[in-house]
């Protein structure tokens, strides 16, 4: 295990269905030796309890301990921040640089980020990522999409964010739900330039389409 961690990646989990995507992303980033900064909204905690067997603590300190133990992270590798932790590095452009992924991204969060609301730390961190021209990936999980949702996605794309709906492909012939989760996580990692072995890239010898 290397002494130095890889650059931090911020992962925010909000109240859309699909908490498994965000949790799996954290797990893979930890395995790739990245420092991971985590924010989980109040609604996301409810979704996680509904969609998984996990009941993660809400307090940032306890959440850090729980995720560190769950994913076998090194001490200090995972840092969790609360809703109004304005002293967190992600709250200011002068803080440490970090790519950010909101996964899953609720349509409410999508709207707030598109409008620059910054009413909580997740929204503020995304606002910082946009203004500092850092990587920002949003993974909405909603269907059908209204004109409001689509307009917000278009606005964010024009601002430089990557909007990546949680729409797994099937050309890799998934056999389990975990394979479909990894499809989306792999696409996120591709956007961040992080190597992985979750699934072969299109055109690789191991790819079904090659």
N, C-alpha and C. Protein backbone atom coordinates (compact mmCIF):
# COMPACT_ATOMS: atom_id res chain seq x y z
N UNK A 1 0.84 -1.19 0.00
CA UNK A 1 0.00 0.00 0.00
C UNK A 1 0.88 1.24 0.00
N UNK A 2 0.63 2.16 -0.92
CA UNK A 2 1.46 3.36 -1.03
C UNK A 2 1.29 4.25 0.18
N UNK A 3 2.37 5.02 0.49
CA UNK A 3 2.31 5.92 1.63
C UNK A 3 1.38 7.09 1.36
N UNK A 4 1.39 7.61 0.13
CA UNK A 4 0.59 8.77 -0.21
C UNK A 4 -0.69 8.36 -0.91
N UNK A 5 -1.78 8.99 -0.48
CA UNK A 5 -3.05 8.73 -1.14
C UNK A 5 -3.14 9.49 -2.45
N UNK A 6 -3.96 8.99 -3.36
CA UNK A 6 -4.24 9.68 -4.61
C UNK A 6 -5.10 10.91 -4.33
N UNK A 7 -5.17 11.87 -5.28
CA UNK A 7 -5.95 13.10 -5.06
C UNK A 7 -7.38 12.82 -4.62
N UNK A 8 -7.94 13.71 -3.81
CA UNK A 8 -9.29 13.47 -3.29
C UNK A 8 -10.36 13.56 -4.37
N UNK A 9 -11.40 12.80 -4.17
CA UNK A 9 -12.61 12.87 -5.00
C UNK A 9 -13.78 13.07 -4.04
N UNK A 10 -14.62 14.04 -4.33
CA UNK A 10 -15.79 14.30 -3.51
C UNK A 10 -16.97 13.50 -4.04
N UNK A 11 -17.62 12.75 -3.17
CA UNK A 11 -18.81 11.98 -3.56
C UNK A 11 -19.98 12.44 -2.70
N UNK A 12 -21.01 12.94 -3.35
CA UNK A 12 -22.23 13.33 -2.64
C UNK A 12 -23.35 12.38 -3.04
N UNK A 13 -24.07 11.88 -2.06
CA UNK A 13 -25.21 11.01 -2.30
C UNK A 13 -26.46 11.77 -1.87
N UNK A 14 -27.39 11.96 -2.81
CA UNK A 14 -28.61 12.68 -2.48
C UNK A 14 -29.81 11.75 -2.56
N UNK A 15 -31.02 12.31 -2.47
CA UNK A 15 -32.20 11.50 -2.21
C UNK A 15 -32.87 10.81 -3.37
N UNK A 16 -32.20 10.67 -4.50
CA UNK A 16 -32.78 9.90 -5.60
C UNK A 16 -32.58 8.41 -5.34
N UNK A 17 -33.38 7.59 -6.00
CA UNK A 17 -33.17 6.15 -5.93
C UNK A 17 -31.83 5.82 -6.58
N UNK A 18 -31.19 4.77 -6.07
CA UNK A 18 -29.90 4.39 -6.64
C UNK A 18 -28.73 4.65 -5.71
N UNK A 19 -28.98 4.59 -4.42
CA UNK A 19 -27.90 4.81 -3.45
C UNK A 19 -26.76 3.82 -3.66
N UNK A 20 -27.08 2.65 -4.21
CA UNK A 20 -26.05 1.63 -4.43
C UNK A 20 -24.94 2.14 -5.35
N UNK A 21 -25.28 2.99 -6.31
CA UNK A 21 -24.26 3.54 -7.20
C UNK A 21 -23.23 4.36 -6.41
N UNK A 22 -23.72 5.24 -5.55
CA UNK A 22 -22.81 6.09 -4.79
C UNK A 22 -21.96 5.31 -3.82
N UNK A 23 -22.56 4.34 -3.14
CA UNK A 23 -21.81 3.54 -2.17
C UNK A 23 -20.74 2.70 -2.87
N UNK A 24 -21.10 2.14 -4.02
CA UNK A 24 -20.12 1.35 -4.77
C UNK A 24 -19.00 2.24 -5.28
N UNK A 25 -19.33 3.46 -5.70
CA UNK A 25 -18.30 4.40 -6.16
C UNK A 25 -17.30 4.69 -5.04
N UNK A 26 -17.80 4.93 -3.84
CA UNK A 26 -16.91 5.16 -2.70
C UNK A 26 -16.00 3.96 -2.49
N UNK A 27 -16.57 2.78 -2.53
CA UNK A 27 -15.80 1.55 -2.32
C UNK A 27 -14.67 1.42 -3.34
N UNK A 28 -14.96 1.68 -4.61
CA UNK A 28 -13.95 1.54 -5.67
C UNK A 28 -12.88 2.62 -5.55
N UNK A 29 -13.27 3.83 -5.20
CA UNK A 29 -12.30 4.91 -5.02
C UNK A 29 -11.35 4.60 -3.86
N UNK A 30 -11.89 4.05 -2.80
CA UNK A 30 -11.05 3.66 -1.66
C UNK A 30 -10.05 2.59 -2.09
N UNK A 31 -10.53 1.60 -2.84
CA UNK A 31 -9.64 0.54 -3.31
C UNK A 31 -8.57 1.07 -4.25
N UNK A 32 -8.87 2.17 -4.96
CA UNK A 32 -7.91 2.78 -5.88
C UNK A 32 -6.97 3.75 -5.16
N UNK A 33 -7.05 3.78 -3.83
CA UNK A 33 -6.14 4.58 -3.00
C UNK A 33 -6.39 6.08 -3.11
N UNK A 34 -7.61 6.48 -3.44
CA UNK A 34 -7.94 7.90 -3.45
C UNK A 34 -8.48 8.31 -2.09
N UNK A 35 -8.17 9.53 -1.71
CA UNK A 35 -8.86 10.11 -0.56
C UNK A 35 -10.29 10.41 -1.02
N UNK A 36 -11.26 10.16 -0.17
CA UNK A 36 -12.65 10.34 -0.57
C UNK A 36 -13.36 11.24 0.45
N UNK A 37 -13.93 12.33 -0.05
CA UNK A 37 -14.70 13.24 0.78
C UNK A 37 -16.17 12.96 0.52
N UNK A 38 -16.93 12.71 1.58
CA UNK A 38 -18.29 12.21 1.43
C UNK A 38 -19.30 13.15 2.08
N UNK A 39 -20.40 13.36 1.36
CA UNK A 39 -21.55 14.08 1.90
C UNK A 39 -22.80 13.28 1.56
N UNK A 40 -23.63 13.02 2.55
CA UNK A 40 -24.87 12.28 2.35
C UNK A 40 -26.02 13.11 2.89
N UNK A 41 -26.97 13.43 2.02
CA UNK A 41 -28.08 14.28 2.43
C UNK A 41 -29.03 13.52 3.37
N UNK A 42 -29.89 14.26 4.04
CA UNK A 42 -30.87 13.65 4.94
C UNK A 42 -31.78 12.71 4.17
N UNK A 43 -32.24 13.14 3.01
CA UNK A 43 -33.11 12.28 2.19
C UNK A 43 -32.37 11.02 1.75
N UNK A 44 -31.08 11.16 1.45
CA UNK A 44 -30.29 10.01 1.01
C UNK A 44 -30.19 8.97 2.11
N UNK A 45 -30.09 9.41 3.35
CA UNK A 45 -30.05 8.45 4.45
C UNK A 45 -31.33 7.60 4.47
N UNK A 46 -32.45 8.23 4.20
CA UNK A 46 -33.72 7.50 4.16
C UNK A 46 -33.73 6.51 2.99
N UNK A 47 -33.22 6.94 1.84
CA UNK A 47 -33.19 6.06 0.68
C UNK A 47 -32.26 4.88 0.92
N UNK A 48 -31.09 5.14 1.51
CA UNK A 48 -30.14 4.07 1.80
C UNK A 48 -30.77 3.03 2.72
N UNK A 49 -31.49 3.50 3.73
CA UNK A 49 -32.14 2.57 4.66
C UNK A 49 -33.24 1.77 3.96
N UNK A 50 -33.85 2.35 2.93
CA UNK A 50 -34.93 1.69 2.21
C UNK A 50 -34.40 0.71 1.17
N UNK A 51 -33.35 1.10 0.45
CA UNK A 51 -32.87 0.32 -0.68
C UNK A 51 -31.78 -0.69 -0.33
N UNK A 52 -31.19 -0.55 0.84
CA UNK A 52 -30.10 -1.44 1.22
C UNK A 52 -30.33 -1.96 2.63
N UNK A 53 -29.44 -2.81 3.08
CA UNK A 53 -29.51 -3.33 4.45
C UNK A 53 -28.74 -2.45 5.42
N UNK A 54 -28.24 -1.31 4.93
CA UNK A 54 -27.43 -0.42 5.75
C UNK A 54 -28.30 0.64 6.42
N UNK A 55 -27.90 1.03 7.59
CA UNK A 55 -28.51 2.14 8.30
C UNK A 55 -27.37 3.02 8.80
N UNK A 56 -26.87 3.85 7.90
CA UNK A 56 -25.67 4.62 8.21
C UNK A 56 -25.97 5.76 9.18
N UNK A 57 -25.07 6.03 10.11
CA UNK A 57 -25.27 7.13 11.06
C UNK A 57 -25.25 8.47 10.36
N UNK A 58 -25.97 9.43 10.91
CA UNK A 58 -26.07 10.75 10.28
C UNK A 58 -24.91 11.68 10.67
N UNK A 59 -24.42 11.54 11.89
CA UNK A 59 -23.35 12.44 12.33
C UNK A 59 -22.08 12.17 11.54
N UNK A 60 -21.43 13.23 11.02
CA UNK A 60 -20.26 13.04 10.16
C UNK A 60 -19.15 12.20 10.79
N UNK A 61 -18.89 12.39 12.09
CA UNK A 61 -17.82 11.64 12.72
C UNK A 61 -18.13 10.14 12.74
N UNK A 62 -19.35 9.80 13.10
CA UNK A 62 -19.74 8.39 13.14
C UNK A 62 -19.87 7.81 11.74
N UNK A 63 -20.32 8.65 10.80
CA UNK A 63 -20.42 8.19 9.42
C UNK A 63 -19.04 7.87 8.86
N UNK A 64 -18.07 8.71 9.18
CA UNK A 64 -16.69 8.46 8.75
C UNK A 64 -16.21 7.11 9.28
N UNK A 65 -16.46 6.85 10.55
CA UNK A 65 -16.05 5.58 11.15
C UNK A 65 -16.75 4.40 10.47
N UNK A 66 -18.05 4.54 10.22
CA UNK A 66 -18.82 3.45 9.64
C UNK A 66 -18.34 3.12 8.22
N UNK A 67 -18.11 4.17 7.40
CA UNK A 67 -17.68 3.94 6.02
C UNK A 67 -16.23 3.43 5.97
N UNK A 68 -15.41 3.92 6.89
CA UNK A 68 -14.02 3.45 6.95
C UNK A 68 -13.98 1.96 7.25
N UNK A 69 -14.80 1.53 8.20
CA UNK A 69 -14.85 0.11 8.54
C UNK A 69 -15.47 -0.70 7.42
N UNK A 70 -16.53 -0.19 6.83
CA UNK A 70 -17.24 -0.94 5.78
C UNK A 70 -16.37 -1.19 4.56
N UNK A 71 -15.59 -0.20 4.16
CA UNK A 71 -14.81 -0.31 2.93
C UNK A 71 -13.32 -0.58 3.18
N UNK A 72 -12.95 -0.82 4.42
CA UNK A 72 -11.56 -1.14 4.73
C UNK A 72 -10.61 -0.01 4.38
N UNK A 73 -11.06 1.21 4.59
CA UNK A 73 -10.25 2.38 4.23
C UNK A 73 -9.14 2.60 5.24
N UNK A 74 -8.09 3.27 4.80
CA UNK A 74 -7.01 3.66 5.70
C UNK A 74 -7.49 4.77 6.62
N UNK A 75 -6.89 4.91 7.80
CA UNK A 75 -7.27 6.01 8.69
C UNK A 75 -7.12 7.35 7.97
N UNK A 76 -8.17 8.14 7.98
CA UNK A 76 -8.13 9.45 7.35
C UNK A 76 -8.40 9.44 5.86
N UNK A 77 -8.57 8.25 5.27
CA UNK A 77 -8.80 8.20 3.82
C UNK A 77 -10.20 8.69 3.46
N UNK A 78 -11.18 8.43 4.32
CA UNK A 78 -12.54 8.92 4.12
C UNK A 78 -12.81 10.04 5.10
N UNK A 79 -13.32 11.16 4.57
CA UNK A 79 -13.73 12.29 5.42
C UNK A 79 -15.17 12.63 5.08
N UNK A 80 -16.02 12.67 6.09
CA UNK A 80 -17.43 12.98 5.87
C UNK A 80 -17.74 14.37 6.42
N UNK A 81 -18.61 15.08 5.71
CA UNK A 81 -18.96 16.44 6.10
C UNK A 81 -20.47 16.58 6.24
N UNK A 82 -20.88 17.43 7.16
CA UNK A 82 -22.30 17.66 7.41
C UNK A 82 -22.91 18.69 6.47
N UNK A 83 -24.20 18.81 6.57
CA UNK A 83 -24.99 19.67 5.69
C UNK A 83 -24.52 21.13 5.68
N UNK A 84 -24.08 21.63 6.84
CA UNK A 84 -23.68 23.03 6.95
C UNK A 84 -22.26 23.17 7.48
N UNK A 85 -21.40 22.28 7.07
CA UNK A 85 -19.99 22.34 7.48
C UNK A 85 -19.26 23.28 6.52
N UNK A 86 -19.44 24.57 6.74
CA UNK A 86 -18.90 25.57 5.81
C UNK A 86 -17.40 25.70 5.87
N UNK A 87 -16.75 25.05 6.83
CA UNK A 87 -15.29 25.06 6.90
C UNK A 87 -14.67 23.88 6.16
N UNK A 88 -15.50 23.04 5.56
CA UNK A 88 -14.98 21.91 4.77
C UNK A 88 -14.23 22.44 3.56
N UNK A 89 -13.19 21.77 3.11
CA UNK A 89 -12.41 22.25 1.96
C UNK A 89 -13.23 22.42 0.69
N UNK A 90 -14.32 21.66 0.56
CA UNK A 90 -15.13 21.76 -0.67
C UNK A 90 -15.99 23.01 -0.70
N UNK A 91 -16.04 23.75 0.41
CA UNK A 91 -16.92 24.92 0.49
C UNK A 91 -16.32 26.17 -0.13
N UNK A 92 -15.05 26.11 -0.52
CA UNK A 92 -14.40 27.30 -1.06
C UNK A 92 -13.46 26.94 -2.19
N UNK A 93 -13.37 27.84 -3.16
CA UNK A 93 -12.44 27.63 -4.26
C UNK A 93 -11.00 27.64 -3.81
N UNK A 94 -10.73 28.23 -2.65
CA UNK A 94 -9.36 28.26 -2.13
C UNK A 94 -9.02 26.99 -1.35
N UNK A 95 -10.00 26.11 -1.21
CA UNK A 95 -9.74 24.82 -0.56
C UNK A 95 -9.03 23.89 -1.52
N UNK A 96 -8.72 22.71 -1.04
CA UNK A 96 -8.02 21.73 -1.87
C UNK A 96 -8.87 21.37 -3.09
N UNK A 97 -8.22 21.23 -4.22
CA UNK A 97 -8.91 20.89 -5.46
C UNK A 97 -9.43 19.46 -5.40
N UNK A 98 -10.65 19.26 -5.88
CA UNK A 98 -11.23 17.92 -5.87
C UNK A 98 -12.27 17.80 -6.97
N UNK A 99 -12.21 16.71 -7.73
CA UNK A 99 -13.31 16.40 -8.64
C UNK A 99 -14.51 16.02 -7.78
N UNK A 100 -15.72 16.23 -8.32
CA UNK A 100 -16.93 15.96 -7.54
C UNK A 100 -17.92 15.14 -8.35
N UNK A 101 -18.53 14.17 -7.68
CA UNK A 101 -19.57 13.36 -8.28
C UNK A 101 -20.78 13.37 -7.36
N UNK A 102 -21.95 13.72 -7.90
CA UNK A 102 -23.19 13.62 -7.15
C UNK A 102 -23.91 12.39 -7.67
N UNK A 103 -23.94 11.34 -6.84
CA UNK A 103 -24.38 10.03 -7.33
C UNK A 103 -25.09 9.25 -6.22
N UNK A 104 -26.40 9.05 -6.34
CA UNK A 104 -27.26 9.61 -7.36
C UNK A 104 -27.58 11.07 -7.07
N UNK A 105 -28.04 11.75 -8.11
CA UNK A 105 -28.38 13.17 -7.99
C UNK A 105 -29.88 13.33 -8.12
N UNK A 106 -30.52 13.79 -7.07
CA UNK A 106 -31.96 14.02 -7.13
C UNK A 106 -32.25 15.19 -8.05
N UNK A 107 -33.48 15.25 -8.57
CA UNK A 107 -33.83 16.37 -9.45
C UNK A 107 -33.88 17.68 -8.66
N UNK A 108 -34.14 17.59 -7.36
CA UNK A 108 -34.09 18.79 -6.53
C UNK A 108 -32.68 19.34 -6.45
N UNK A 109 -31.69 18.45 -6.24
CA UNK A 109 -30.29 18.88 -6.21
C UNK A 109 -29.87 19.38 -7.58
N UNK A 110 -30.31 18.70 -8.64
CA UNK A 110 -30.01 19.12 -10.00
C UNK A 110 -30.47 20.55 -10.22
N UNK A 111 -31.68 20.86 -9.79
CA UNK A 111 -32.24 22.20 -9.93
C UNK A 111 -31.44 23.22 -9.15
N UNK A 112 -31.11 22.88 -7.90
CA UNK A 112 -30.38 23.81 -7.05
C UNK A 112 -29.00 24.12 -7.61
N UNK A 113 -28.31 23.11 -8.12
CA UNK A 113 -26.97 23.32 -8.67
C UNK A 113 -27.06 24.15 -9.95
N UNK A 114 -28.06 23.87 -10.78
CA UNK A 114 -28.22 24.62 -12.03
C UNK A 114 -28.50 26.09 -11.77
N UNK A 115 -29.17 26.37 -10.64
CA UNK A 115 -29.53 27.76 -10.31
C UNK A 115 -28.54 28.42 -9.37
N UNK A 116 -27.52 27.68 -8.92
CA UNK A 116 -26.53 28.25 -8.00
C UNK A 116 -27.07 28.54 -6.62
N UNK A 117 -28.00 27.72 -6.14
CA UNK A 117 -28.67 28.00 -4.87
C UNK A 117 -27.72 27.97 -3.68
N UNK A 118 -26.88 26.96 -3.58
CA UNK A 118 -25.89 26.84 -2.49
C UNK A 118 -26.53 26.91 -1.11
N UNK A 119 -27.65 26.25 -0.91
CA UNK A 119 -28.32 26.28 0.38
C UNK A 119 -27.75 25.29 1.38
N UNK A 120 -26.93 24.34 0.91
CA UNK A 120 -26.29 23.39 1.82
C UNK A 120 -24.91 23.07 1.24
N UNK A 121 -24.15 22.25 1.94
CA UNK A 121 -22.76 22.02 1.53
C UNK A 121 -22.67 21.28 0.20
N UNK A 122 -23.58 20.36 -0.07
CA UNK A 122 -23.54 19.65 -1.35
C UNK A 122 -23.72 20.64 -2.50
N UNK A 123 -24.72 21.49 -2.38
CA UNK A 123 -24.98 22.47 -3.44
C UNK A 123 -23.81 23.45 -3.56
N UNK A 124 -23.27 23.89 -2.45
CA UNK A 124 -22.14 24.82 -2.48
C UNK A 124 -20.91 24.17 -3.09
N UNK A 125 -20.65 22.93 -2.74
CA UNK A 125 -19.48 22.24 -3.30
C UNK A 125 -19.60 22.11 -4.81
N UNK A 126 -20.80 21.83 -5.30
CA UNK A 126 -21.01 21.75 -6.75
C UNK A 126 -20.83 23.12 -7.39
N UNK A 127 -21.29 24.15 -6.72
CA UNK A 127 -21.13 25.52 -7.23
C UNK A 127 -19.65 25.87 -7.34
N UNK A 128 -18.87 25.46 -6.33
CA UNK A 128 -17.43 25.70 -6.35
C UNK A 128 -16.79 24.95 -7.52
N UNK A 129 -17.19 23.70 -7.71
CA UNK A 129 -16.63 22.90 -8.81
C UNK A 129 -16.89 23.58 -10.15
N UNK A 130 -18.08 24.13 -10.32
CA UNK A 130 -18.40 24.81 -11.58
C UNK A 130 -17.58 26.07 -11.77
N UNK A 131 -17.52 26.89 -10.75
CA UNK A 131 -16.83 28.17 -10.92
C UNK A 131 -15.32 28.01 -11.04
N UNK A 132 -14.80 26.93 -10.46
CA UNK A 132 -13.37 26.68 -10.54
C UNK A 132 -13.00 25.80 -11.74
N UNK A 133 -14.01 25.45 -12.55
CA UNK A 133 -13.80 24.63 -13.75
C UNK A 133 -13.20 23.26 -13.41
N UNK A 134 -13.69 22.68 -12.32
CA UNK A 134 -13.26 21.34 -11.92
C UNK A 134 -14.24 20.30 -12.45
N UNK A 135 -13.83 19.06 -12.46
CA UNK A 135 -14.72 17.99 -12.91
C UNK A 135 -15.93 17.89 -12.00
N UNK A 136 -17.10 17.95 -12.60
CA UNK A 136 -18.35 17.77 -11.87
C UNK A 136 -19.22 16.81 -12.67
N UNK A 137 -19.53 15.67 -12.07
CA UNK A 137 -20.36 14.66 -12.71
C UNK A 137 -21.63 14.49 -11.89
N UNK A 138 -22.78 14.62 -12.55
CA UNK A 138 -24.06 14.44 -11.88
C UNK A 138 -24.75 13.21 -12.47
N UNK A 139 -25.23 12.34 -11.58
CA UNK A 139 -25.84 11.08 -12.01
C UNK A 139 -27.31 11.06 -11.58
N UNK A 140 -28.19 11.69 -12.36
CA UNK A 140 -29.61 11.68 -12.00
C UNK A 140 -30.23 10.30 -12.23
N UNK A 141 -31.21 9.96 -11.41
CA UNK A 141 -31.94 8.70 -11.56
C UNK A 141 -33.41 9.05 -11.40
N UNK A 142 -34.04 9.36 -12.51
CA UNK A 142 -35.44 9.76 -12.51
C UNK A 142 -36.05 9.41 -13.85
N UNK A 143 -37.32 9.05 -13.85
CA UNK A 143 -38.01 8.79 -15.11
C UNK A 143 -39.52 8.85 -14.88
N UNK A 144 -40.28 9.45 -15.78
CA UNK A 144 -39.81 10.20 -16.94
C UNK A 144 -39.24 11.54 -16.52
N UNK A 145 -38.60 12.22 -17.47
CA UNK A 145 -38.00 13.52 -17.20
C UNK A 145 -38.91 14.62 -17.73
N UNK A 146 -39.15 15.63 -16.91
CA UNK A 146 -39.96 16.76 -17.35
C UNK A 146 -39.10 17.77 -18.10
N UNK A 147 -39.73 18.74 -18.72
CA UNK A 147 -38.98 19.80 -19.41
C UNK A 147 -38.09 20.56 -18.43
N UNK A 148 -38.55 20.69 -17.19
CA UNK A 148 -37.75 21.37 -16.18
C UNK A 148 -36.44 20.61 -15.95
N UNK A 149 -36.55 19.30 -15.78
CA UNK A 149 -35.35 18.49 -15.56
C UNK A 149 -34.39 18.61 -16.75
N UNK A 150 -34.93 18.50 -17.95
CA UNK A 150 -34.10 18.54 -19.15
C UNK A 150 -33.43 19.90 -19.33
N UNK A 151 -34.14 20.96 -19.02
CA UNK A 151 -33.56 22.31 -19.14
C UNK A 151 -32.42 22.49 -18.14
N UNK A 152 -32.59 21.95 -16.95
CA UNK A 152 -31.52 22.05 -15.95
C UNK A 152 -30.30 21.23 -16.39
N UNK A 153 -30.54 20.05 -16.96
CA UNK A 153 -29.43 19.25 -17.46
C UNK A 153 -28.69 19.96 -18.58
N UNK A 154 -29.43 20.60 -19.47
CA UNK A 154 -28.81 21.35 -20.56
C UNK A 154 -27.99 22.51 -20.02
N UNK A 155 -28.55 23.23 -19.04
CA UNK A 155 -27.83 24.36 -18.46
C UNK A 155 -26.52 23.91 -17.82
N UNK A 156 -26.56 22.80 -17.08
CA UNK A 156 -25.36 22.31 -16.42
C UNK A 156 -24.33 21.81 -17.42
N UNK A 157 -24.80 21.17 -18.48
CA UNK A 157 -23.88 20.71 -19.52
C UNK A 157 -23.18 21.89 -20.17
N UNK A 158 -23.91 22.95 -20.42
CA UNK A 158 -23.32 24.16 -21.01
C UNK A 158 -22.32 24.82 -20.06
N UNK A 159 -22.50 24.61 -18.76
CA UNK A 159 -21.57 25.16 -17.77
C UNK A 159 -20.33 24.31 -17.59
N UNK A 160 -20.29 23.15 -18.24
CA UNK A 160 -19.10 22.31 -18.16
C UNK A 160 -19.25 21.05 -17.34
N UNK A 161 -20.41 20.86 -16.71
CA UNK A 161 -20.63 19.63 -15.94
C UNK A 161 -20.94 18.48 -16.89
N UNK A 162 -20.77 17.27 -16.39
CA UNK A 162 -21.14 16.06 -17.14
C UNK A 162 -22.39 15.49 -16.49
N UNK A 163 -23.46 15.40 -17.27
CA UNK A 163 -24.71 14.81 -16.78
C UNK A 163 -24.79 13.38 -17.30
N UNK A 164 -24.78 12.43 -16.38
CA UNK A 164 -24.70 11.02 -16.75
C UNK A 164 -25.84 10.26 -16.08
N UNK A 165 -27.01 10.22 -16.72
CA UNK A 165 -28.13 9.49 -16.11
C UNK A 165 -27.77 8.05 -15.80
N UNK A 166 -28.32 7.54 -14.73
CA UNK A 166 -28.06 6.15 -14.34
C UNK A 166 -28.85 5.23 -15.24
N UNK A 167 -28.33 5.02 -16.46
CA UNK A 167 -28.99 4.18 -17.46
C UNK A 167 -28.01 3.10 -17.90
N UNK A 168 -27.93 1.99 -17.19
CA UNK A 168 -26.94 0.95 -17.52
C UNK A 168 -27.15 0.37 -18.91
N UNK A 169 -26.06 0.07 -19.58
CA UNK A 169 -26.12 -0.63 -20.86
C UNK A 169 -26.20 -2.13 -20.63
N UNK A 170 -26.41 -2.86 -21.70
CA UNK A 170 -26.55 -4.31 -21.58
C UNK A 170 -25.61 -5.06 -22.51
N UNK A 171 -24.75 -4.33 -23.24
CA UNK A 171 -23.87 -5.03 -24.18
C UNK A 171 -22.79 -5.83 -23.47
N UNK A 172 -22.57 -5.58 -22.18
CA UNK A 172 -21.62 -6.40 -21.43
C UNK A 172 -22.31 -7.62 -20.80
N UNK A 173 -23.59 -7.80 -21.12
CA UNK A 173 -24.37 -8.96 -20.68
C UNK A 173 -24.36 -9.14 -19.15
N UNK A 174 -24.93 -8.19 -18.45
CA UNK A 174 -24.95 -8.29 -16.98
C UNK A 174 -25.74 -9.50 -16.52
N UNK A 175 -25.24 -10.15 -15.49
CA UNK A 175 -25.90 -11.33 -14.93
C UNK A 175 -26.52 -11.04 -13.58
N UNK A 176 -26.01 -9.99 -12.90
CA UNK A 176 -26.50 -9.65 -11.58
C UNK A 176 -26.70 -8.15 -11.50
N UNK A 177 -27.44 -7.73 -10.48
CA UNK A 177 -27.66 -6.29 -10.27
C UNK A 177 -26.32 -5.58 -10.10
N UNK A 178 -25.38 -6.24 -9.43
CA UNK A 178 -24.07 -5.63 -9.21
C UNK A 178 -23.35 -5.30 -10.52
N UNK A 179 -23.57 -6.10 -11.55
CA UNK A 179 -22.96 -5.83 -12.85
C UNK A 179 -23.51 -4.54 -13.45
N UNK A 180 -24.78 -4.27 -13.24
CA UNK A 180 -25.40 -3.05 -13.75
C UNK A 180 -24.94 -1.83 -12.97
N UNK A 181 -24.74 -2.01 -11.67
CA UNK A 181 -24.20 -0.92 -10.84
C UNK A 181 -22.79 -0.59 -11.30
N UNK A 182 -21.98 -1.62 -11.52
CA UNK A 182 -20.59 -1.41 -11.93
C UNK A 182 -20.50 -0.74 -13.30
N UNK A 183 -21.48 -0.97 -14.16
CA UNK A 183 -21.47 -0.31 -15.47
C UNK A 183 -21.46 1.20 -15.30
N UNK A 184 -22.34 1.72 -14.45
CA UNK A 184 -22.41 3.16 -14.23
C UNK A 184 -21.18 3.67 -13.50
N UNK A 185 -20.75 2.94 -12.48
CA UNK A 185 -19.55 3.35 -11.73
C UNK A 185 -18.34 3.40 -12.66
N UNK A 186 -18.22 2.44 -13.54
CA UNK A 186 -17.11 2.42 -14.49
C UNK A 186 -17.14 3.65 -15.39
N UNK A 187 -18.33 4.05 -15.84
CA UNK A 187 -18.44 5.22 -16.70
C UNK A 187 -18.06 6.50 -15.94
N UNK A 188 -18.40 6.54 -14.66
CA UNK A 188 -18.01 7.69 -13.83
C UNK A 188 -16.49 7.75 -13.72
N UNK A 189 -15.87 6.62 -13.42
CA UNK A 189 -14.42 6.57 -13.29
C UNK A 189 -13.74 6.97 -14.60
N UNK A 190 -14.32 6.58 -15.73
CA UNK A 190 -13.77 7.00 -17.02
C UNK A 190 -13.76 8.51 -17.14
N UNK A 191 -14.83 9.16 -16.70
CA UNK A 191 -14.91 10.61 -16.77
C UNK A 191 -13.86 11.28 -15.88
N UNK A 192 -13.52 10.62 -14.78
CA UNK A 192 -12.54 11.17 -13.85
C UNK A 192 -11.11 10.80 -14.22
N UNK A 193 -10.96 9.96 -15.25
CA UNK A 193 -9.62 9.54 -15.65
C UNK A 193 -8.97 8.58 -14.68
N UNK A 194 -9.79 7.80 -13.97
CA UNK A 194 -9.30 6.84 -12.99
C UNK A 194 -9.39 5.44 -13.57
N UNK A 195 -8.27 4.74 -13.61
CA UNK A 195 -8.26 3.39 -14.18
C UNK A 195 -9.02 2.42 -13.28
N UNK A 196 -9.57 1.39 -13.90
CA UNK A 196 -10.34 0.40 -13.16
C UNK A 196 -10.41 -0.89 -13.97
N UNK A 197 -10.93 -1.92 -13.30
CA UNK A 197 -11.13 -3.21 -13.95
C UNK A 197 -12.58 -3.69 -13.76
N UNK A 198 -13.47 -2.76 -13.61
CA UNK A 198 -14.87 -3.13 -13.39
C UNK A 198 -15.47 -3.78 -14.62
N UNK A 199 -15.09 -3.28 -15.78
CA UNK A 199 -15.56 -3.85 -17.03
C UNK A 199 -14.65 -3.37 -18.14
N UNK A 200 -14.48 -4.15 -19.21
CA UNK A 200 -13.59 -3.73 -20.30
C UNK A 200 -14.15 -2.54 -21.06
N UNK A 201 -13.26 -1.72 -21.58
CA UNK A 201 -13.69 -0.61 -22.42
C UNK A 201 -14.12 -1.16 -23.78
N UNK A 202 -15.01 -0.44 -24.44
CA UNK A 202 -15.49 -0.85 -25.75
C UNK A 202 -14.31 -0.94 -26.71
N UNK A 203 -14.21 -2.05 -27.42
CA UNK A 203 -13.12 -2.24 -28.37
C UNK A 203 -11.97 -3.03 -27.80
N UNK A 204 -11.91 -3.19 -26.46
CA UNK A 204 -10.88 -4.02 -25.87
C UNK A 204 -11.14 -5.48 -26.26
N UNK A 205 -10.08 -6.31 -26.32
CA UNK A 205 -10.26 -7.72 -26.69
C UNK A 205 -11.29 -8.45 -25.83
N UNK A 206 -11.39 -8.04 -24.56
CA UNK A 206 -12.32 -8.73 -23.65
C UNK A 206 -13.75 -8.23 -23.78
N UNK A 207 -13.96 -7.17 -24.57
CA UNK A 207 -15.29 -6.60 -24.70
C UNK A 207 -16.16 -7.46 -25.59
N UNK A 208 -17.45 -7.65 -25.22
CA UNK A 208 -18.33 -8.46 -26.06
C UNK A 208 -18.48 -7.89 -27.47
N UNK A 209 -18.29 -6.57 -27.60
CA UNK A 209 -18.47 -5.95 -28.91
C UNK A 209 -17.22 -5.94 -29.75
N UNK A 210 -16.11 -6.44 -29.20
CA UNK A 210 -14.84 -6.38 -29.94
C UNK A 210 -14.78 -7.47 -30.99
